[in-house]
N, C-alpha and C. Protein backbone atom coordinates (compact mmCIF):
# COMPACT_ATOMS: atom_id res chain seq x y z
N MET A 1 3.04 14.73 8.30
CA MET A 1 3.30 13.40 7.80
C MET A 1 2.64 12.38 8.72
N ILE A 2 2.00 11.42 8.14
CA ILE A 2 1.38 10.33 8.88
C ILE A 2 2.39 9.20 8.95
N SER A 3 2.53 8.61 10.13
CA SER A 3 3.47 7.50 10.24
C SER A 3 2.79 6.34 10.95
N PHE A 4 3.32 5.16 10.70
CA PHE A 4 2.82 3.94 11.31
C PHE A 4 3.99 3.26 12.00
N GLY A 5 3.70 2.39 12.95
CA GLY A 5 4.75 1.66 13.65
C GLY A 5 5.52 0.75 12.71
N SER A 6 6.70 0.35 13.14
CA SER A 6 7.55 -0.48 12.28
C SER A 6 6.98 -1.89 12.09
N ASP A 7 6.06 -2.30 12.95
CA ASP A 7 5.49 -3.64 12.84
C ASP A 7 4.21 -3.69 12.01
N VAL A 8 3.82 -2.57 11.42
CA VAL A 8 2.58 -2.53 10.64
C VAL A 8 2.75 -3.33 9.34
N ARG A 9 1.68 -3.97 8.93
CA ARG A 9 1.67 -4.67 7.64
C ARG A 9 1.01 -3.75 6.62
N VAL A 10 1.71 -3.52 5.52
CA VAL A 10 1.24 -2.61 4.48
C VAL A 10 1.06 -3.40 3.21
N PHE A 11 -0.13 -3.31 2.62
CA PHE A 11 -0.42 -3.99 1.37
C PHE A 11 -0.74 -2.96 0.30
N VAL A 12 -0.15 -3.13 -0.87
CA VAL A 12 -0.40 -2.24 -2.00
C VAL A 12 -1.15 -3.04 -3.06
N ALA A 13 -2.32 -2.52 -3.45
CA ALA A 13 -3.05 -3.12 -4.57
C ALA A 13 -2.32 -2.71 -5.85
N THR A 14 -1.88 -3.67 -6.63
CA THR A 14 -1.02 -3.35 -7.76
C THR A 14 -1.81 -2.91 -9.00
N GLN A 15 -3.11 -3.12 -9.02
CA GLN A 15 -3.96 -2.65 -10.12
C GLN A 15 -4.55 -1.30 -9.76
N PRO A 16 -4.61 -0.36 -10.70
CA PRO A 16 -5.28 0.92 -10.41
C PRO A 16 -6.76 0.69 -10.10
N ILE A 17 -7.31 1.55 -9.23
CA ILE A 17 -8.72 1.45 -8.86
C ILE A 17 -9.49 2.63 -9.44
N ASP A 18 -10.81 2.52 -9.41
CA ASP A 18 -11.68 3.65 -9.72
C ASP A 18 -11.57 4.61 -8.55
N PHE A 19 -10.99 5.77 -8.75
CA PHE A 19 -10.71 6.69 -7.65
C PHE A 19 -11.96 7.34 -7.08
N ARG A 20 -13.12 7.08 -7.65
CA ARG A 20 -14.38 7.58 -7.08
C ARG A 20 -14.83 6.72 -5.91
N LYS A 21 -14.22 5.54 -5.73
CA LYS A 21 -14.61 4.65 -4.62
C LYS A 21 -14.35 5.33 -3.28
N GLY A 22 -15.29 5.16 -2.38
CA GLY A 22 -15.16 5.69 -1.03
C GLY A 22 -14.80 4.57 -0.06
N VAL A 23 -15.01 4.83 1.22
CA VAL A 23 -14.65 3.87 2.27
C VAL A 23 -15.30 2.51 2.05
N HIS A 24 -16.60 2.50 1.84
CA HIS A 24 -17.31 1.22 1.72
C HIS A 24 -16.89 0.44 0.49
N GLY A 25 -16.68 1.13 -0.61
CA GLY A 25 -16.21 0.47 -1.82
C GLY A 25 -14.82 -0.13 -1.66
N LEU A 26 -13.94 0.59 -0.96
CA LEU A 26 -12.58 0.08 -0.74
C LEU A 26 -12.56 -1.07 0.26
N ILE A 27 -13.44 -1.01 1.28
CA ILE A 27 -13.55 -2.13 2.23
C ILE A 27 -13.95 -3.39 1.47
N GLY A 28 -14.92 -3.27 0.57
CA GLY A 28 -15.33 -4.41 -0.24
C GLY A 28 -14.21 -4.91 -1.13
N LEU A 29 -13.45 -4.00 -1.70
CA LEU A 29 -12.33 -4.39 -2.55
C LEU A 29 -11.26 -5.13 -1.74
N VAL A 30 -10.98 -4.66 -0.53
CA VAL A 30 -10.00 -5.35 0.33
C VAL A 30 -10.50 -6.76 0.66
N ALA A 31 -11.75 -6.87 1.09
CA ALA A 31 -12.29 -8.15 1.53
C ALA A 31 -12.43 -9.16 0.39
N GLU A 32 -12.92 -8.70 -0.75
CA GLU A 32 -13.21 -9.63 -1.83
C GLU A 32 -12.10 -9.70 -2.88
N GLY A 33 -11.61 -8.56 -3.30
CA GLY A 33 -10.62 -8.54 -4.38
C GLY A 33 -9.22 -8.87 -3.94
N LEU A 34 -8.85 -8.47 -2.71
CA LEU A 34 -7.48 -8.70 -2.23
C LEU A 34 -7.39 -9.80 -1.18
N ASN A 35 -8.53 -10.39 -0.83
CA ASN A 35 -8.58 -11.43 0.21
C ASN A 35 -7.93 -10.96 1.51
N GLY A 36 -8.16 -9.70 1.85
CA GLY A 36 -7.61 -9.12 3.07
C GLY A 36 -8.66 -8.95 4.14
N ALA A 37 -8.23 -8.48 5.29
CA ALA A 37 -9.12 -8.23 6.42
C ALA A 37 -9.12 -6.73 6.70
N PRO A 38 -10.12 -6.00 6.20
CA PRO A 38 -10.10 -4.54 6.32
C PRO A 38 -10.12 -4.01 7.75
N TYR A 39 -10.58 -4.80 8.71
CA TYR A 39 -10.66 -4.34 10.10
C TYR A 39 -9.53 -4.90 10.96
N SER A 40 -8.44 -5.32 10.35
CA SER A 40 -7.33 -5.95 11.05
C SER A 40 -6.30 -4.95 11.56
N GLY A 41 -6.34 -3.71 11.09
CA GLY A 41 -5.30 -2.74 11.44
C GLY A 41 -4.20 -2.68 10.39
N ASP A 42 -4.27 -3.57 9.39
CA ASP A 42 -3.33 -3.50 8.28
C ASP A 42 -3.61 -2.25 7.46
N VAL A 43 -2.59 -1.76 6.78
CA VAL A 43 -2.71 -0.57 5.93
C VAL A 43 -2.84 -1.04 4.49
N PHE A 44 -3.83 -0.50 3.79
CA PHE A 44 -4.06 -0.85 2.39
C PHE A 44 -3.88 0.40 1.54
N VAL A 45 -3.00 0.31 0.55
CA VAL A 45 -2.68 1.44 -0.33
C VAL A 45 -3.22 1.13 -1.71
N PHE A 46 -3.90 2.11 -2.31
CA PHE A 46 -4.48 1.97 -3.63
C PHE A 46 -3.94 3.04 -4.56
N ARG A 47 -3.68 2.66 -5.78
CA ARG A 47 -3.18 3.59 -6.78
C ARG A 47 -4.30 3.99 -7.72
N SER A 48 -4.19 5.18 -8.25
CA SER A 48 -5.11 5.70 -9.25
C SER A 48 -4.56 5.37 -10.63
N LYS A 49 -5.36 5.58 -11.65
CA LYS A 49 -4.85 5.48 -13.01
C LYS A 49 -3.83 6.58 -13.27
N ARG A 50 -3.97 7.70 -12.57
CA ARG A 50 -3.00 8.79 -12.67
C ARG A 50 -1.87 8.49 -11.69
N PRO A 51 -0.61 8.66 -12.08
CA PRO A 51 0.50 8.28 -11.20
C PRO A 51 0.76 9.23 -10.04
N ASP A 52 -0.01 10.32 -9.94
CA ASP A 52 0.24 11.31 -8.88
C ASP A 52 -0.75 11.22 -7.72
N ARG A 53 -1.54 10.13 -7.65
CA ARG A 53 -2.57 10.02 -6.61
C ARG A 53 -2.58 8.64 -5.99
N LEU A 54 -2.88 8.61 -4.67
CA LEU A 54 -3.06 7.35 -3.98
C LEU A 54 -4.07 7.52 -2.85
N LYS A 55 -4.62 6.39 -2.41
CA LYS A 55 -5.53 6.35 -1.26
C LYS A 55 -5.02 5.30 -0.29
N ILE A 56 -5.21 5.58 0.99
CA ILE A 56 -4.83 4.65 2.06
C ILE A 56 -6.05 4.38 2.92
N LEU A 57 -6.28 3.11 3.21
CA LEU A 57 -7.38 2.69 4.05
C LEU A 57 -6.81 1.93 5.24
N VAL A 58 -7.21 2.33 6.45
CA VAL A 58 -6.73 1.64 7.66
C VAL A 58 -7.76 1.77 8.77
N PHE A 59 -7.95 0.70 9.53
CA PHE A 59 -8.82 0.70 10.70
C PHE A 59 -7.94 0.84 11.94
N ASP A 60 -8.23 1.84 12.78
CA ASP A 60 -7.38 2.11 13.94
C ASP A 60 -7.93 1.54 15.26
N GLY A 61 -8.96 0.73 15.19
CA GLY A 61 -9.56 0.15 16.40
C GLY A 61 -10.82 0.86 16.81
N THR A 62 -10.98 2.13 16.41
CA THR A 62 -12.19 2.88 16.74
C THR A 62 -12.96 3.31 15.50
N GLY A 63 -12.31 3.33 14.37
CA GLY A 63 -12.96 3.75 13.14
C GLY A 63 -12.05 3.55 11.94
N MET A 64 -12.63 3.72 10.77
CA MET A 64 -11.91 3.52 9.53
C MET A 64 -11.39 4.87 9.03
N TRP A 65 -10.13 4.91 8.63
CA TRP A 65 -9.51 6.08 8.05
C TRP A 65 -9.41 5.88 6.55
N LEU A 66 -9.74 6.92 5.80
CA LEU A 66 -9.49 6.94 4.35
C LEU A 66 -8.70 8.21 4.07
N MET A 67 -7.48 8.03 3.61
CA MET A 67 -6.61 9.17 3.33
C MET A 67 -6.31 9.19 1.84
N THR A 68 -6.25 10.39 1.29
CA THR A 68 -5.93 10.58 -0.11
C THR A 68 -4.76 11.54 -0.21
N LYS A 69 -3.82 11.23 -1.10
CA LYS A 69 -2.70 12.14 -1.32
C LYS A 69 -2.55 12.36 -2.81
N TRP A 70 -2.45 13.64 -3.18
CA TRP A 70 -2.16 14.06 -4.55
C TRP A 70 -0.86 14.80 -4.52
N LEU A 71 0.05 14.47 -5.39
CA LEU A 71 1.29 15.22 -5.50
C LEU A 71 1.01 16.46 -6.34
N GLU A 72 1.23 17.62 -5.77
CA GLU A 72 0.91 18.88 -6.43
C GLU A 72 2.06 19.44 -7.25
N LEU A 73 3.27 18.92 -7.06
CA LEU A 73 4.41 19.42 -7.83
C LEU A 73 4.22 19.10 -9.30
N GLU A 74 4.63 20.01 -10.16
CA GLU A 74 4.49 19.78 -11.59
C GLU A 74 5.32 18.56 -11.98
N GLY A 75 4.67 17.63 -12.62
CA GLY A 75 5.35 16.41 -13.02
C GLY A 75 5.55 15.41 -11.90
N GLY A 76 5.02 15.69 -10.69
CA GLY A 76 5.17 14.78 -9.56
C GLY A 76 4.41 13.49 -9.79
N ARG A 77 5.02 12.41 -9.40
CA ARG A 77 4.37 11.11 -9.55
C ARG A 77 4.93 10.16 -8.51
N PHE A 78 4.08 9.24 -8.07
CA PHE A 78 4.53 8.20 -7.16
C PHE A 78 5.24 7.12 -7.96
N ALA A 79 6.20 6.46 -7.36
CA ALA A 79 6.91 5.36 -8.00
C ALA A 79 6.12 4.08 -7.73
N TRP A 80 5.50 3.54 -8.76
CA TRP A 80 4.67 2.35 -8.61
C TRP A 80 5.35 1.15 -9.25
N PRO A 81 5.10 -0.04 -8.71
CA PRO A 81 5.60 -1.25 -9.37
C PRO A 81 4.78 -1.49 -10.64
N PRO A 82 5.22 -2.41 -11.50
CA PRO A 82 4.44 -2.71 -12.70
C PRO A 82 3.02 -3.16 -12.34
N ILE A 83 2.06 -2.81 -13.19
CA ILE A 83 0.66 -3.21 -12.96
C ILE A 83 0.53 -4.71 -13.20
N ARG A 84 -0.05 -5.40 -12.21
CA ARG A 84 -0.32 -6.83 -12.31
C ARG A 84 -1.45 -7.16 -11.36
N GLU A 85 -1.90 -8.38 -11.38
CA GLU A 85 -2.98 -8.81 -10.49
C GLU A 85 -2.48 -8.92 -9.05
N GLY A 86 -3.37 -8.68 -8.09
CA GLY A 86 -3.08 -8.96 -6.70
C GLY A 86 -2.55 -7.79 -5.90
N LYS A 87 -1.71 -8.13 -4.93
CA LYS A 87 -1.20 -7.14 -3.99
C LYS A 87 0.26 -7.45 -3.69
N MET A 88 0.96 -6.48 -3.12
CA MET A 88 2.31 -6.70 -2.66
C MET A 88 2.43 -6.12 -1.26
N MET A 89 3.38 -6.61 -0.50
CA MET A 89 3.55 -6.17 0.89
C MET A 89 4.77 -5.27 0.99
N LEU A 90 4.64 -4.19 1.78
CA LEU A 90 5.72 -3.24 2.00
C LEU A 90 6.05 -3.16 3.49
N SER A 91 7.24 -2.68 3.79
CA SER A 91 7.60 -2.37 5.17
C SER A 91 7.14 -0.94 5.47
N ALA A 92 7.17 -0.56 6.73
CA ALA A 92 6.81 0.81 7.11
C ALA A 92 7.76 1.82 6.46
N THR A 93 9.04 1.46 6.35
CA THR A 93 10.02 2.34 5.72
C THR A 93 9.71 2.53 4.24
N GLN A 94 9.38 1.44 3.56
CA GLN A 94 9.03 1.55 2.14
C GLN A 94 7.78 2.40 1.95
N LEU A 95 6.79 2.26 2.85
CA LEU A 95 5.59 3.08 2.76
C LEU A 95 5.94 4.56 2.90
N ALA A 96 6.79 4.89 3.86
CA ALA A 96 7.19 6.29 4.06
C ALA A 96 7.87 6.83 2.80
N MET A 97 8.72 6.02 2.18
CA MET A 97 9.40 6.45 0.96
C MET A 97 8.40 6.62 -0.19
N LEU A 98 7.44 5.72 -0.31
CA LEU A 98 6.41 5.84 -1.33
C LEU A 98 5.63 7.13 -1.14
N LEU A 99 5.20 7.41 0.10
CA LEU A 99 4.41 8.61 0.38
C LEU A 99 5.19 9.89 0.12
N ASP A 100 6.51 9.83 0.24
CA ASP A 100 7.35 11.00 -0.05
C ASP A 100 7.64 11.15 -1.53
N GLY A 101 7.16 10.21 -2.34
CA GLY A 101 7.39 10.29 -3.78
C GLY A 101 8.74 9.79 -4.22
N LEU A 102 9.43 9.04 -3.35
CA LEU A 102 10.76 8.53 -3.67
C LEU A 102 10.66 7.18 -4.38
N SER A 103 11.50 6.96 -5.36
CA SER A 103 11.47 5.70 -6.10
C SER A 103 12.37 4.63 -5.50
N GLU A 104 13.21 5.01 -4.54
CA GLU A 104 14.17 4.07 -3.96
C GLU A 104 13.50 2.90 -3.24
N TRP A 105 12.24 3.06 -2.81
CA TRP A 105 11.58 1.98 -2.09
C TRP A 105 11.47 0.74 -2.95
N LEU A 106 11.42 0.91 -4.27
CA LEU A 106 11.33 -0.24 -5.17
C LEU A 106 12.62 -1.07 -5.16
N LYS A 107 13.72 -0.45 -4.79
CA LYS A 107 15.02 -1.13 -4.81
C LYS A 107 15.29 -1.94 -3.55
N ILE A 108 14.50 -1.72 -2.49
CA ILE A 108 14.75 -2.42 -1.23
C ILE A 108 13.62 -3.38 -0.89
N ALA A 109 13.11 -4.05 -1.91
CA ALA A 109 12.03 -5.01 -1.70
C ALA A 109 12.50 -6.11 -0.76
N PRO A 110 11.63 -6.59 0.12
CA PRO A 110 12.03 -7.66 1.03
C PRO A 110 12.48 -8.90 0.26
N ARG A 111 13.50 -9.54 0.75
CA ARG A 111 14.00 -10.77 0.14
C ARG A 111 13.34 -11.96 0.80
N PRO A 112 13.12 -13.03 0.02
CA PRO A 112 12.57 -14.24 0.66
C PRO A 112 13.58 -14.84 1.64
N ALA A 113 13.05 -15.48 2.66
CA ALA A 113 13.93 -16.08 3.68
C ALA A 113 14.72 -17.23 3.07
N ALA A 114 15.96 -17.37 3.49
CA ALA A 114 16.81 -18.47 3.00
C ALA A 114 16.32 -19.79 3.58
N ARG A 115 16.46 -20.84 2.80
CA ARG A 115 16.05 -22.17 3.26
C ARG A 115 17.13 -22.71 4.19
N PRO A 116 16.74 -23.37 5.27
CA PRO A 116 17.75 -23.93 6.18
C PRO A 116 18.53 -25.04 5.50
N ILE A 117 19.78 -25.16 5.85
CA ILE A 117 20.65 -26.19 5.30
C ILE A 117 20.67 -27.35 6.28
N LYS A 118 20.49 -28.55 5.75
CA LYS A 118 20.54 -29.76 6.61
C LYS A 118 21.97 -30.07 6.95
N THR A 119 22.19 -30.36 8.21
CA THR A 119 23.52 -30.78 8.65
C THR A 119 23.45 -32.18 9.20
N ALA A 120 24.46 -32.96 8.98
CA ALA A 120 24.45 -34.35 9.42
C ALA A 120 24.94 -34.49 10.83
């Protein structure tokens, strides 16, 4: 199992990609399509049109990693959010749950910060 520190920023592209794309194609997609910084150390997760496959792109300071995971179990599928434009951000815990094929990560989405209350 691959793990990342708890302070890592994880972005999931919510639209399926052409799974034939390699490192250079995904770097371009991060930079132009997601307005991200591919060499920042952030983790970028991409979904396939098939629900049982994903790709992860991350720069570790010395080189670019491209990881692919296919669920081999019969009927195995990753739990994906609804398809829409853009990206969403996950915690390291949510990423671990996604990679394990668990759907519970969708239930613990980060909540927006509460607005401060003015006191007199």
